[in-house]
Amino acid sequence: MTLTASRAALLHVALQDLRAGKSLLIDRLPNLADAATDLGLRDTIERDRANARQHAARLDDLADLAHPPANLWMAGILDDADRDARSHLPGAILDTALIGALRKAKAAEIVSIETALALAGSEAPEMLAALGANHAQDRAIEHRLARLLTTICGPVPVN
């Protein structure tokens, strides 16, 4: 195994990780949209899949990201979401579980893209606009999911 030895190499690893996560979303979100009963949630999932396609294309324009390593965190989150879709009654319970899983995925994506943005700032400033656009769209989806959670369950108590 070769050790990552530079910020530029770490940026490439971060981009590969993001790209692999987007591929998983593109492939696996349709099943989650089919399981959702809330129309707003279904629409948000479908919008996130469309964003994932657009984000993947932007990432592909930035670097050669062919054959990235598996994205284990996204695969695990989506495995949990698939399990939820099979093990919860359709309706508010399932929709709430799906929102939780999708927000976990979105949080992981946001943290990962923020790492890539930080690295790109010094290593590849020409990437900032594309990465920033992906970041903004991911945050917008996360905000939509948070609003849906309060619509389905009521306000989230905060201490």
C-alpha atoms as a PDB file:
ATOM      1  CA  MET A   1       0.000   0.000   0.000  1.00  0.00           C
ATOM      2  CA  THR A   2       1.337   3.408  -0.967  1.00  0.00           C
ATOM      3  CA  LEU A   3       1.048   6.087   1.699  1.00  0.00           C
ATOM      4  CA  THR A   4      -0.496   9.434   0.774  1.00  0.00           C
ATOM      5  CA  ALA A   5       2.351  11.909   1.099  1.00  0.00           C
ATOM      6  CA  SER A   6       1.070  15.288  -0.110  1.00  0.00           C
ATOM      7  CA  ARG A   7      -1.918  17.584   0.166  1.00  0.00           C
ATOM      8  CA  ALA A   8      -2.450  17.246  -3.589  1.00  0.00           C
ATOM      9  CA  ALA A   9      -2.578  13.462  -3.287  1.00  0.00           C
ATOM     10  CA  LEU A  10      -4.960  13.736  -0.330  1.00  0.00           C
ATOM     11  CA  LEU A  11      -7.193  16.023  -2.416  1.00  0.00           C
ATOM     12  CA  HIS A  12      -7.290  13.345  -5.113  1.00  0.00           C
ATOM     13  CA  VAL A  13      -8.251  10.718  -2.509  1.00  0.00           C
ATOM     14  CA  ALA A  14     -10.989  13.029  -1.203  1.00  0.00           C
ATOM     15  CA  LEU A  15     -12.351  13.543  -4.726  1.00  0.00           C
ATOM     16  CA  GLN A  16     -12.329   9.780  -5.357  1.00  0.00           C
ATOM     17  CA  ASP A  17     -14.197   9.219  -2.100  1.00  0.00           C
ATOM     18  CA  LEU A  18     -16.809  11.826  -3.013  1.00  0.00           C
ATOM     19  CA  ARG A  19     -17.195  10.360  -6.510  1.00  0.00           C
ATOM     20  CA  ALA A  20     -17.640   6.822  -5.175  1.00  0.00           C
ATOM     21  CA  GLY A  21     -20.297   8.114  -2.756  1.00  0.00           C
ATOM     22  CA  LYS A  22     -22.162   9.842  -5.568  1.00  0.00           C
ATOM     23  CA  SER A  23     -22.148   6.608  -7.603  1.00  0.00           C
ATOM     24  CA  LEU A  24     -23.718   4.761  -4.696  1.00  0.00           C
ATOM     25  CA  LEU A  25     -26.410   7.425  -4.330  1.00  0.00           C
ATOM     26  CA  ILE A  26     -27.206   7.311  -8.032  1.00  0.00           C
ATOM     27  CA  ASP A  27     -27.608   3.526  -7.886  1.00  0.00           C
ATOM     28  CA  ARG A  28     -29.391   3.151  -4.574  1.00  0.00           C
ATOM     29  CA  LEU A  29     -31.648   6.179  -4.042  1.00  0.00           C
ATOM     30  CA  PRO A  30     -34.410   4.944  -6.376  1.00  0.00           C
ATOM     31  CA  ASN A  31     -35.277   2.084  -3.989  1.00  0.00           C
ATOM     32  CA  LEU A  32     -35.479   4.516  -1.094  1.00  0.00           C
ATOM     33  CA  ALA A  33     -37.686   6.898  -3.073  1.00  0.00           C
ATOM     34  CA  ASP A  34     -39.989   3.966  -3.866  1.00  0.00           C
ATOM     35  CA  ALA A  35     -40.202   3.084  -0.159  1.00  0.00           C
ATOM     36  CA  ALA A  36     -41.034   6.644   0.960  1.00  0.00           C
ATOM     37  CA  THR A  37     -44.720   7.413   1.415  1.00  0.00           C
ATOM     38  CA  ASP A  38     -44.451  11.173   1.978  1.00  0.00           C
ATOM     39  CA  LEU A  39     -44.526  12.888  -1.410  1.00  0.00           C
ATOM     40  CA  GLY A  40     -42.185  15.639  -0.226  1.00  0.00           C
ATOM     41  CA  LEU A  41     -39.671  13.052   0.914  1.00  0.00           C
ATOM     42  CA  ARG A  42     -39.969  11.136  -2.333  1.00  0.00           C
ATOM     43  CA  ASP A  43     -39.397  14.370  -4.277  1.00  0.00           C
ATOM     44  CA  THR A  44     -36.387  15.265  -2.108  1.00  0.00           C
ATOM     45  CA  ILE A  45     -34.827  11.832  -2.660  1.00  0.00           C
ATOM     46  CA  GLU A  46     -35.368  12.106  -6.413  1.00  0.00           C
ATOM     47  CA  ARG A  47     -33.881  15.617  -6.383  1.00  0.00           C
ATOM     48  CA  ASP A  48     -30.881  14.333  -4.443  1.00  0.00           C
ATOM     49  CA  ARG A  49     -30.347  11.615  -7.054  1.00  0.00           C
ATOM     50  CA  ALA A  50     -30.459  14.213  -9.844  1.00  0.00           C
ATOM     51  CA  ASN A  51     -27.968  16.321  -7.865  1.00  0.00           C
ATOM     52  CA  ALA A  52     -25.739  13.261  -7.391  1.00  0.00           C
ATOM     53  CA  ARG A  53     -25.604  12.779 -11.169  1.00  0.00           C
ATOM     54  CA  GLN A  54     -24.709  16.434 -11.658  1.00  0.00           C
ATOM     55  CA  HIS A  55     -22.136  16.319  -8.839  1.00  0.00           C
ATOM     56  CA  ALA A  56     -20.533  13.172 -10.269  1.00  0.00           C
ATOM     57  CA  ALA A  57     -20.178  14.875 -13.644  1.00  0.00           C
ATOM     58  CA  ARG A  58     -18.592  17.936 -12.003  1.00  0.00           C
ATOM     59  CA  LEU A  59     -16.166  15.732 -10.085  1.00  0.00           C
ATOM     60  CA  ASP A  60     -15.277  13.848 -13.272  1.00  0.00           C
ATOM     61  CA  ASP A  61     -14.503  17.194 -14.933  1.00  0.00           C
ATOM     62  CA  LEU A  62     -12.062  18.046 -12.127  1.00  0.00           C
ATOM     63  CA  ALA A  63      -9.853  14.952 -12.183  1.00  0.00           C
ATOM     64  CA  ASP A  64      -9.420  11.420 -13.449  1.00  0.00           C
ATOM     65  CA  LEU A  65     -11.472   9.580 -10.847  1.00  0.00           C
ATOM     66  CA  ALA A  66     -11.821   6.248 -12.627  1.00  0.00           C
ATOM     67  CA  HIS A  67     -11.853   3.160 -10.415  1.00  0.00           C
ATOM     68  CA  PRO A  68     -12.036   4.854  -7.013  1.00  0.00           C
ATOM     69  CA  PRO A  69     -11.793   2.696  -3.893  1.00  0.00           C
ATOM     70  CA  ALA A  70     -15.088   1.689  -2.315  1.00  0.00           C
ATOM     71  CA  ASN A  71     -16.791   4.364  -0.257  1.00  0.00           C
ATOM     72  CA  LEU A  72     -17.399   2.390   2.930  1.00  0.00           C
ATOM     73  CA  TRP A  73     -19.218   5.078   4.906  1.00  0.00           C
ATOM     74  CA  MET A  74     -21.787   5.749   2.189  1.00  0.00           C
ATOM     75  CA  ALA A  75     -22.278   2.028   1.552  1.00  0.00           C
ATOM     76  CA  GLY A  76     -22.888   1.448   5.263  1.00  0.00           C
ATOM     77  CA  ILE A  77     -25.373   4.298   5.578  1.00  0.00           C
ATOM     78  CA  LEU A  78     -27.274   3.131   2.496  1.00  0.00           C
ATOM     79  CA  ASP A  79     -27.234  -0.475   3.775  1.00  0.00           C
ATOM     80  CA  ASP A  80     -28.904   0.792   6.954  1.00  0.00           C
ATOM     81  CA  ALA A  81     -31.448   2.764   4.917  1.00  0.00           C
ATOM     82  CA  ASP A  82     -32.247  -0.335   2.828  1.00  0.00           C
ATOM     83  CA  ARG A  83     -32.705  -2.334   6.035  1.00  0.00           C
ATOM     84  CA  ASP A  84     -35.041   0.383   7.347  1.00  0.00           C
ATOM     85  CA  ALA A  85     -37.067   0.204   4.129  1.00  0.00           C
ATOM     86  CA  ARG A  86     -37.571  -3.536   4.688  1.00  0.00           C
ATOM     87  CA  SER A  87     -38.127  -3.530   8.455  1.00  0.00           C
ATOM     88  CA  HIS A  88     -40.435  -0.571   9.218  1.00  0.00           C
ATOM     89  CA  LEU A  89     -44.094  -0.156   8.468  1.00  0.00           C
ATOM     90  CA  PRO A  90     -44.754   2.177   5.545  1.00  0.00           C
ATOM     91  CA  GLY A  91     -45.872   5.619   6.599  1.00  0.00           C
ATOM     92  CA  ALA A  92     -44.535   8.119   9.106  1.00  0.00           C
ATOM     93  CA  ILE A  93     -42.319   5.578  10.919  1.00  0.00           C
ATOM     94  CA  LEU A  94     -40.526   4.485   7.762  1.00  0.00           C
ATOM     95  CA  ASP A  95     -40.328   8.016   6.371  1.00  0.00           C
ATOM     96  CA  THR A  96     -38.751   9.205   9.639  1.00  0.00           C
ATOM     97  CA  ALA A  97     -36.196   6.379   9.535  1.00  0.00           C
ATOM     98  CA  LEU A  98     -35.378   7.187   5.899  1.00  0.00           C
ATOM     99  CA  ILE A  99     -34.939  10.870   6.706  1.00  0.00           C
ATOM    100  CA  GLY A 100     -32.526   9.931   9.506  1.00  0.00           C
ATOM    101  CA  ALA A 101     -30.483   7.701   7.209  1.00  0.00           C
ATOM    102  CA  LEU A 102     -30.429  10.256   4.403  1.00  0.00           C
ATOM    103  CA  ARG A 103     -29.383  13.032   6.776  1.00  0.00           C
ATOM    104  CA  LYS A 104     -26.496  10.844   7.974  1.00  0.00           C
ATOM    105  CA  ALA A 105     -25.430  10.399   4.360  1.00  0.00           C
ATOM    106  CA  LYS A 106     -25.743  14.108   3.694  1.00  0.00           C
ATOM    107  CA  ALA A 107     -23.761  15.006   6.835  1.00  0.00           C
ATOM    108  CA  ALA A 108     -20.954  12.673   5.779  1.00  0.00           C
ATOM    109  CA  GLU A 109     -20.971  14.157   2.269  1.00  0.00           C
ATOM    110  CA  ILE A 110     -20.883  17.710   3.603  1.00  0.00           C
ATOM    111  CA  VAL A 111     -17.936  16.984   5.894  1.00  0.00           C
ATOM    112  CA  SER A 112     -16.105  15.234   3.063  1.00  0.00           C
ATOM    113  CA  ILE A 113     -16.660  18.035   0.575  1.00  0.00           C
ATOM    114  CA  GLU A 114     -15.585  20.620   3.146  1.00  0.00           C
ATOM    115  CA  THR A 115     -12.315  18.693   3.495  1.00  0.00           C
ATOM    116  CA  ALA A 116     -11.910  18.708  -0.298  1.00  0.00           C
ATOM    117  CA  LEU A 117     -12.672  22.441  -0.381  1.00  0.00           C
ATOM    118  CA  ALA A 118     -10.029  23.129   2.264  1.00  0.00           C
ATOM    119  CA  LEU A 119      -7.441  21.141   0.326  1.00  0.00           C
ATOM    120  CA  ALA A 120      -8.430  22.680  -3.014  1.00  0.00           C
ATOM    121  CA  GLY A 121      -7.996  26.162  -1.562  1.00  0.00           C
ATOM    122  CA  SER A 122      -4.244  25.729  -1.525  1.00  0.00           C
ATOM    123  CA  GLU A 123      -3.700  22.923  -4.035  1.00  0.00           C
ATOM    124  CA  ALA A 124      -6.204  23.537  -6.840  1.00  0.00           C
ATOM    125  CA  PRO A 125      -8.150  26.798  -6.503  1.00  0.00           C
ATOM    126  CA  GLU A 126      -9.653  26.210  -9.950  1.00  0.00           C
ATOM    127  CA  MET A 127     -11.730  23.431  -8.348  1.00  0.00           C
ATOM    128  CA  LEU A 128     -13.370  25.682  -5.774  1.00  0.00           C
ATOM    129  CA  ALA A 129     -16.338  26.789  -7.878  1.00  0.00           C
ATOM    130  CA  ALA A 130     -17.417  23.247  -8.795  1.00  0.00           C
ATOM    131  CA  LEU A 131     -16.866  21.902  -5.290  1.00  0.00           C
ATOM    132  CA  GLY A 132     -18.674  24.909  -3.828  1.00  0.00           C
ATOM    133  CA  ALA A 133     -21.670  24.308  -6.089  1.00  0.00           C
ATOM    134  CA  ASN A 134     -21.861  20.670  -4.966  1.00  0.00           C
ATOM    135  CA  HIS A 135     -21.553  21.773  -1.342  1.00  0.00           C
ATOM    136  CA  ALA A 136     -24.374  24.292  -1.657  1.00  0.00           C
ATOM    137  CA  GLN A 137     -26.711  21.741  -3.248  1.00  0.00           C
ATOM    138  CA  ASP A 138     -25.908  19.111  -0.603  1.00  0.00           C
ATOM    139  CA  ARG A 139     -26.607  21.601   2.178  1.00  0.00           C
ATOM    140  CA  ALA A 140     -29.913  22.560   0.535  1.00  0.00           C
ATOM    141  CA  ILE A 141     -30.990  18.897   0.438  1.00  0.00           C
ATOM    142  CA  GLU A 142     -29.988  18.455   4.083  1.00  0.00           C
ATOM    143  CA  HIS A 143     -32.107  21.497   5.022  1.00  0.00           C
ATOM    144  CA  ARG A 144     -35.071  20.065   3.090  1.00  0.00           C
ATOM    145  CA  LEU A 145     -34.715  16.772   4.933  1.00  0.00           C
ATOM    146  CA  ALA A 146     -34.564  18.589   8.284  1.00  0.00           C
ATOM    147  CA  ARG A 147     -37.775  20.488   7.440  1.00  0.00           C
ATOM    148  CA  LEU A 148     -39.465  17.244   6.394  1.00  0.00           C
ATOM    149  CA  LEU A 149     -38.523  15.684   9.722  1.00  0.00           C
ATOM    150  CA  THR A 150     -40.333  18.452  11.603  1.00  0.00           C
ATOM    151  CA  THR A 151     -43.309  18.178   9.236  1.00  0.00           C
ATOM    152  CA  ILE A 152     -43.641  14.447   9.844  1.00  0.00           C
ATOM    153  CA  CYS A 153     -42.690  14.302  13.545  1.00  0.00           C
ATOM    154  CA  GLY A 154     -43.169  17.820  14.881  1.00  0.00           C
ATOM    155  CA  PRO A 155     -40.490  20.185  16.177  1.00  0.00           C
ATOM    156  CA  VAL A 156     -37.222  18.608  17.243  1.00  0.00           C
ATOM    157  CA  PRO A 157     -36.608  19.439  20.910  1.00  0.00           C
ATOM    158  CA  VAL A 158     -33.233  21.085  21.472  1.00  0.00           C
ATOM    159  CA  ASN A 159     -31.678  21.385  24.912  1.00  0.00           C
END
